[in-house]
């Protein structure tokens, strides 16, 4: 399991549409599942989203 906190870089203009987050030791052809929760500056969390992807 890999866990990471990523700052959205909201202070950059224009704002990026995509965040590129490397997955260490990911193996080509394997399928992975990412669970994502967005948290704003006040600590409000979004509902968890699950994303499945293949490297």
N, C-alpha and C. Protein backbone atom coordinates (compact mmCIF):
# COMPACT_ATOMS: atom_id res chain seq x y z
N UNK A 1 0.85 -1.18 0.00
CA UNK A 1 0.00 0.00 0.00
C UNK A 1 0.89 1.24 0.00
N UNK A 2 0.54 2.20 -0.82
CA UNK A 2 1.26 3.46 -0.90
C UNK A 2 0.27 4.56 -0.52
N UNK A 3 0.69 5.48 0.31
CA UNK A 3 -0.17 6.59 0.71
C UNK A 3 0.58 7.88 0.43
N UNK A 4 -0.15 8.88 -0.06
CA UNK A 4 0.50 10.13 -0.40
C UNK A 4 -0.47 11.29 -0.23
N UNK A 5 0.05 12.41 0.23
CA UNK A 5 -0.72 13.65 0.27
C UNK A 5 -0.13 14.56 -0.80
N UNK A 6 -1.00 15.12 -1.64
CA UNK A 6 -0.54 15.93 -2.77
C UNK A 6 -1.21 17.29 -2.72
N UNK A 7 -0.41 18.33 -2.76
CA UNK A 7 -0.94 19.69 -2.83
C UNK A 7 -1.39 19.97 -4.26
N UNK A 8 -2.53 20.59 -4.40
CA UNK A 8 -3.11 20.79 -5.73
C UNK A 8 -2.43 21.86 -6.55
N UNK A 9 -1.50 22.60 -5.99
CA UNK A 9 -0.85 23.71 -6.70
C UNK A 9 -1.87 24.75 -7.17
N UNK A 10 -2.89 25.01 -6.32
CA UNK A 10 -3.95 25.94 -6.68
C UNK A 10 -3.45 27.36 -6.90
N UNK A 11 -2.27 27.64 -6.40
CA UNK A 11 -1.74 29.00 -6.50
C UNK A 11 -1.06 29.25 -7.84
N UNK A 12 -0.90 28.22 -8.68
CA UNK A 12 -0.34 28.40 -10.02
C UNK A 12 -1.44 28.84 -10.97
N UNK A 13 -1.09 29.74 -11.87
CA UNK A 13 -2.04 30.17 -12.90
C UNK A 13 -1.43 29.92 -14.26
N UNK A 14 -2.11 29.32 -15.18
CA UNK A 14 -3.42 28.70 -14.99
C UNK A 14 -3.33 27.45 -14.13
N UNK A 15 -4.44 27.09 -13.51
CA UNK A 15 -4.46 25.90 -12.65
C UNK A 15 -4.28 24.65 -13.49
N UNK A 16 -3.51 23.69 -13.00
CA UNK A 16 -3.34 22.45 -13.75
C UNK A 16 -4.63 21.62 -13.74
N UNK A 17 -4.94 20.98 -14.88
CA UNK A 17 -6.11 20.11 -14.97
C UNK A 17 -5.79 18.69 -14.52
N UNK A 18 -4.51 18.35 -14.55
CA UNK A 18 -4.08 16.99 -14.24
C UNK A 18 -2.95 17.04 -13.23
N UNK A 19 -2.99 16.15 -12.26
CA UNK A 19 -1.89 16.00 -11.32
C UNK A 19 -1.19 14.69 -11.65
N UNK A 20 0.09 14.74 -11.93
CA UNK A 20 0.88 13.55 -12.24
C UNK A 20 1.53 13.07 -10.96
N UNK A 21 1.05 11.92 -10.45
CA UNK A 21 1.54 11.40 -9.19
C UNK A 21 2.20 10.05 -9.45
N UNK A 22 3.53 9.98 -9.35
CA UNK A 22 4.23 8.73 -9.62
C UNK A 22 3.89 7.65 -8.59
N UNK A 23 3.80 6.41 -9.04
CA UNK A 23 3.57 5.27 -8.16
C UNK A 23 4.87 4.47 -8.10
N UNK A 24 5.56 4.52 -6.96
CA UNK A 24 6.84 3.81 -6.88
C UNK A 24 6.66 2.30 -7.04
N UNK A 25 7.59 1.67 -7.74
CA UNK A 25 7.60 0.22 -7.94
C UNK A 25 6.40 -0.31 -8.69
N UNK A 26 5.69 0.53 -9.44
CA UNK A 26 4.56 0.05 -10.25
C UNK A 26 5.10 -0.82 -11.38
N UNK A 27 4.41 -1.92 -11.64
CA UNK A 27 4.83 -2.87 -12.66
C UNK A 27 3.95 -2.70 -13.89
N UNK A 28 4.58 -2.57 -15.06
CA UNK A 28 3.83 -2.42 -16.31
C UNK A 28 2.90 -3.60 -16.50
N UNK A 29 1.65 -3.33 -16.87
CA UNK A 29 0.66 -4.36 -17.12
C UNK A 29 -0.18 -4.71 -15.91
N UNK A 30 0.24 -4.29 -14.72
CA UNK A 30 -0.54 -4.56 -13.51
C UNK A 30 -1.67 -3.55 -13.37
N UNK A 31 -2.76 -3.98 -12.75
CA UNK A 31 -3.89 -3.10 -12.48
C UNK A 31 -3.81 -2.64 -11.04
N UNK A 32 -4.07 -1.35 -10.82
CA UNK A 32 -3.98 -0.75 -9.50
C UNK A 32 -5.28 -0.03 -9.17
N UNK A 33 -5.52 0.17 -7.89
CA UNK A 33 -6.70 0.89 -7.42
C UNK A 33 -6.23 2.05 -6.56
N UNK A 34 -6.76 3.23 -6.85
CA UNK A 34 -6.42 4.42 -6.07
C UNK A 34 -7.70 4.93 -5.40
N UNK A 35 -7.60 5.25 -4.13
CA UNK A 35 -8.71 5.86 -3.41
C UNK A 35 -8.32 7.31 -3.16
N UNK A 36 -9.20 8.23 -3.57
CA UNK A 36 -8.88 9.65 -3.53
C UNK A 36 -9.92 10.40 -2.71
N UNK A 37 -9.43 11.25 -1.80
CA UNK A 37 -10.28 12.14 -1.02
C UNK A 37 -9.68 13.54 -1.14
N UNK A 38 -10.49 14.49 -1.57
CA UNK A 38 -10.03 15.88 -1.65
C UNK A 38 -10.36 16.57 -0.33
N UNK A 39 -9.41 17.33 0.18
CA UNK A 39 -9.62 18.07 1.43
C UNK A 39 -9.25 19.53 1.18
N UNK A 40 -10.16 20.44 1.53
CA UNK A 40 -9.87 21.85 1.31
C UNK A 40 -9.10 22.44 2.49
N UNK A 41 -8.79 23.73 2.40
CA UNK A 41 -7.97 24.39 3.41
C UNK A 41 -8.65 24.43 4.78
N UNK A 42 -9.96 24.21 4.82
CA UNK A 42 -10.69 24.23 6.08
C UNK A 42 -10.86 22.83 6.68
N UNK A 43 -10.33 21.81 5.98
CA UNK A 43 -10.44 20.44 6.48
C UNK A 43 -11.68 19.70 6.02
N UNK A 44 -12.48 20.33 5.15
CA UNK A 44 -13.68 19.66 4.62
C UNK A 44 -13.25 18.62 3.60
N UNK A 45 -13.72 17.38 3.77
CA UNK A 45 -13.33 16.28 2.88
C UNK A 45 -14.46 15.92 1.93
N UNK A 46 -14.08 15.58 0.70
CA UNK A 46 -15.05 15.10 -0.28
C UNK A 46 -15.33 13.63 0.00
N UNK A 47 -16.40 13.09 -0.60
CA UNK A 47 -16.60 11.64 -0.52
C UNK A 47 -15.43 10.94 -1.22
N UNK A 48 -15.06 9.78 -0.74
CA UNK A 48 -13.97 9.01 -1.32
C UNK A 48 -14.36 8.50 -2.70
N UNK A 49 -13.46 8.65 -3.65
CA UNK A 49 -13.63 8.10 -5.00
C UNK A 49 -12.60 7.02 -5.21
N UNK A 50 -12.97 5.94 -5.87
CA UNK A 50 -12.05 4.87 -6.17
C UNK A 50 -11.82 4.85 -7.68
N UNK A 51 -10.55 4.83 -8.07
CA UNK A 51 -10.16 4.82 -9.48
C UNK A 51 -9.32 3.57 -9.73
N UNK A 52 -9.60 2.89 -10.82
CA UNK A 52 -8.81 1.73 -11.20
C UNK A 52 -8.04 2.08 -12.47
N UNK A 53 -6.76 1.73 -12.50
CA UNK A 53 -5.94 2.04 -13.67
C UNK A 53 -4.90 0.95 -13.88
N UNK A 54 -4.44 0.86 -15.11
CA UNK A 54 -3.39 -0.09 -15.47
C UNK A 54 -2.17 0.71 -15.90
N UNK A 55 -1.02 0.32 -15.39
CA UNK A 55 0.20 1.02 -15.78
C UNK A 55 0.70 0.47 -17.08
